[in-house]
Protein backbone atom coordinates (compact mmCIF):
# COMPACT_ATOMS: atom_id res chain seq x y z
CA UNK A 1 -15.10 63.09 16.64
CA UNK A 2 -15.57 63.97 12.95
CA UNK A 3 -16.38 67.63 13.64
CA UNK A 4 -14.20 69.22 10.86
CA UNK A 5 -12.42 67.82 7.83
CA UNK A 6 -8.56 67.67 7.99
CA UNK A 7 -6.15 69.26 5.53
CA UNK A 8 -5.70 67.12 2.45
CA UNK A 9 -2.32 65.69 3.59
CA UNK A 10 -3.82 64.45 6.82
CA UNK A 11 -7.10 63.07 5.33
CA UNK A 12 -6.19 59.37 5.36
CA UNK A 13 -4.91 59.52 8.92
CA UNK A 14 -8.02 61.38 9.84
CA UNK A 15 -10.25 58.75 8.14
CA UNK A 16 -8.57 55.91 9.87
CA UNK A 17 -8.77 57.50 13.25
CA UNK A 18 -12.48 58.17 12.85
CA UNK A 19 -13.11 54.69 11.56
CA UNK A 20 -11.31 53.03 14.47
CA UNK A 21 -13.09 55.17 16.97
CA UNK A 22 -16.70 54.35 15.99
CA UNK A 23 -18.76 51.43 17.16
CA UNK A 24 -20.24 49.99 13.97
CA UNK A 25 -22.08 46.72 13.32
CA UNK A 26 -21.38 43.64 11.49
CA UNK A 27 -17.60 44.31 10.88
CA UNK A 28 -18.09 47.44 8.88
CA UNK A 29 -15.11 49.11 10.71
CA UNK A 30 -12.81 46.21 10.03
CA UNK A 31 -13.85 46.02 6.39
CA UNK A 32 -13.46 49.77 6.01
CA UNK A 33 -9.93 49.47 7.43
CA UNK A 34 -9.13 46.56 5.01
CA UNK A 35 -10.54 48.62 2.08
CA UNK A 36 -8.35 51.55 3.04
CA UNK A 37 -5.27 49.30 3.27
CA UNK A 38 -6.16 47.74 -0.09
CA UNK A 39 -6.34 51.25 -1.65
CA UNK A 40 -3.04 52.25 0.08
CA UNK A 41 -1.30 49.23 -1.67
CA UNK A 42 -3.01 49.50 -4.95
CA UNK A 43 -4.16 53.06 -5.62
CA UNK A 44 -2.89 55.79 -3.30
CA UNK A 45 -4.68 58.46 -5.30
CA UNK A 46 -8.13 56.78 -4.92
CA UNK A 47 -7.34 56.27 -1.26
CA UNK A 48 -6.83 59.98 -0.84
CA UNK A 49 -9.91 60.71 -2.88
CA UNK A 50 -12.14 58.30 -0.92
CA UNK A 51 -11.01 59.77 2.48
CA UNK A 52 -11.53 63.33 1.20
CA UNK A 53 -15.06 62.52 0.02
CA UNK A 54 -15.78 60.92 3.36
CA UNK A 55 -14.61 64.10 5.07
CA UNK A 56 -16.62 66.47 2.75
CA UNK A 57 -19.89 64.37 3.27
CA UNK A 58 -19.50 64.52 7.03
CA UNK A 59 -18.95 68.23 6.95
CA UNK A 60 -21.96 68.66 4.80
CA UNK A 61 -24.28 66.76 7.15
CA UNK A 62 -26.63 68.36 9.55
CA UNK A 63 -25.10 68.91 13.05
CA UNK A 64 -27.78 66.57 14.64
CA UNK A 65 -27.45 63.84 12.06
CA UNK A 66 -25.35 60.62 12.78
CA UNK A 67 -22.16 61.19 10.54
CA UNK A 68 -21.40 57.59 10.13
CA UNK A 69 -23.69 56.72 7.22
CA UNK A 70 -22.21 59.76 5.29
CA UNK A 71 -18.69 58.77 6.27
CA UNK A 72 -18.93 55.26 4.87
CA UNK A 73 -20.79 56.31 1.96
CA UNK A 74 -18.02 58.87 1.10
CA UNK A 75 -15.34 56.35 1.83
CA UNK A 76 -16.87 53.62 -0.48
CA UNK A 77 -17.99 56.15 -3.11
CA UNK A 78 -14.87 55.32 -5.27
CA UNK A 79 -15.29 51.57 -4.75
CA UNK A 80 -15.50 49.33 -7.80
CA UNK A 81 -18.28 46.65 -8.00
CA UNK A 82 -15.56 44.04 -7.13
CA UNK A 83 -14.29 46.03 -4.17
CA UNK A 84 -17.95 46.45 -3.01
CA UNK A 85 -18.56 42.82 -3.20
CA UNK A 86 -15.45 42.09 -1.13
CA UNK A 87 -15.57 44.98 1.48
CA UNK A 88 -19.31 45.73 1.71
CA UNK A 89 -20.55 42.28 1.77
CA UNK A 90 -23.28 42.36 4.40
CA UNK A 91 -23.44 46.03 4.51
CA UNK A 92 -26.35 46.74 2.22
CA UNK A 93 -27.22 50.14 3.63
CA UNK A 94 -23.85 51.64 2.81
CA UNK A 95 -23.93 50.08 -0.62
CA UNK A 96 -27.41 51.60 -1.28
CA UNK A 97 -26.15 55.05 -0.23
CA UNK A 98 -23.53 54.92 -3.06
CA UNK A 99 -25.20 55.70 -6.51
CA UNK A 100 -22.70 53.69 -8.60
CA UNK A 101 -23.28 50.69 -6.30
CA UNK A 102 -27.09 51.03 -5.47
CA UNK A 103 -28.83 47.83 -6.60
CA UNK A 104 -25.68 46.67 -8.43
CA UNK A 105 -23.19 45.67 -5.75
CA UNK A 106 -24.12 42.07 -4.98
CA UNK A 107 -23.88 43.11 -1.34
CA UNK A 108 -26.62 41.64 0.90
CA UNK A 109 -29.92 42.77 -0.23
CA UNK A 110 -32.07 45.22 1.91
CA UNK A 111 -34.57 43.41 4.10
CA UNK A 112 -38.11 43.14 2.88
CA UNK A 113 -40.01 46.33 3.45
CA UNK A 114 -37.54 48.85 4.83
CA UNK A 115 -39.25 51.65 6.63
CA UNK A 116 -39.81 55.03 5.05
CA UNK A 117 -37.32 56.72 7.36
CA UNK A 118 -34.59 54.42 6.29
CA UNK A 119 -35.50 54.73 2.58
CA UNK A 120 -35.48 58.62 2.95
CA UNK A 121 -32.16 58.47 4.65
CA UNK A 122 -30.63 56.38 1.94
CA UNK A 123 -32.10 58.81 -0.67
CA UNK A 124 -30.69 61.79 1.12
CA UNK A 125 -27.16 60.34 1.44
CA UNK A 126 -27.24 59.07 -2.23
CA UNK A 127 -28.13 62.45 -3.39
CA UNK A 128 -25.32 63.95 -1.27
CA UNK A 129 -22.89 61.45 -2.70
CA UNK A 130 -23.90 62.21 -6.33
CA UNK A 131 -23.40 65.88 -5.50
CA UNK A 132 -20.02 65.51 -4.11
CA UNK A 133 -18.24 67.39 -6.74
CA UNK A 134 -20.29 70.41 -5.81
CA UNK A 135 -19.61 70.25 -1.99
CA UNK A 136 -16.90 72.79 -1.44
CA UNK A 137 -13.69 71.68 0.44
CA UNK A 138 -13.75 73.44 3.77
CA UNK A 139 -10.34 72.74 4.93
CA UNK A 140 -8.14 73.58 1.87
């Protein structure tokens, strides 16, 4: 579903379509849609940036990798701590993938003793988010 990033003018519609088409747990899809609606009403520029970052992270992922963690990390990569507390409550994995939120977001805390694969995935996605400014835009 998220095979290639859209043109900039279509990014928000693309992100909403992708989000609504995925099965995700614990209300992440609904929270993401509420976050998109919040950005649409308060800061359309950040809305566009968040959706563009999500598309760029998905495009930069490995073809065999599940794109959902990258998508949501990109989407929430522009979230403030207050927005994270509201829209990522209960979604510790996504919050931990965003460098500006990791360990600071007051989202639910990671379970005791997360596995090494999970920790490695968080580290990879966090690194990709921190390098977003260096990931080329493939659809412009």
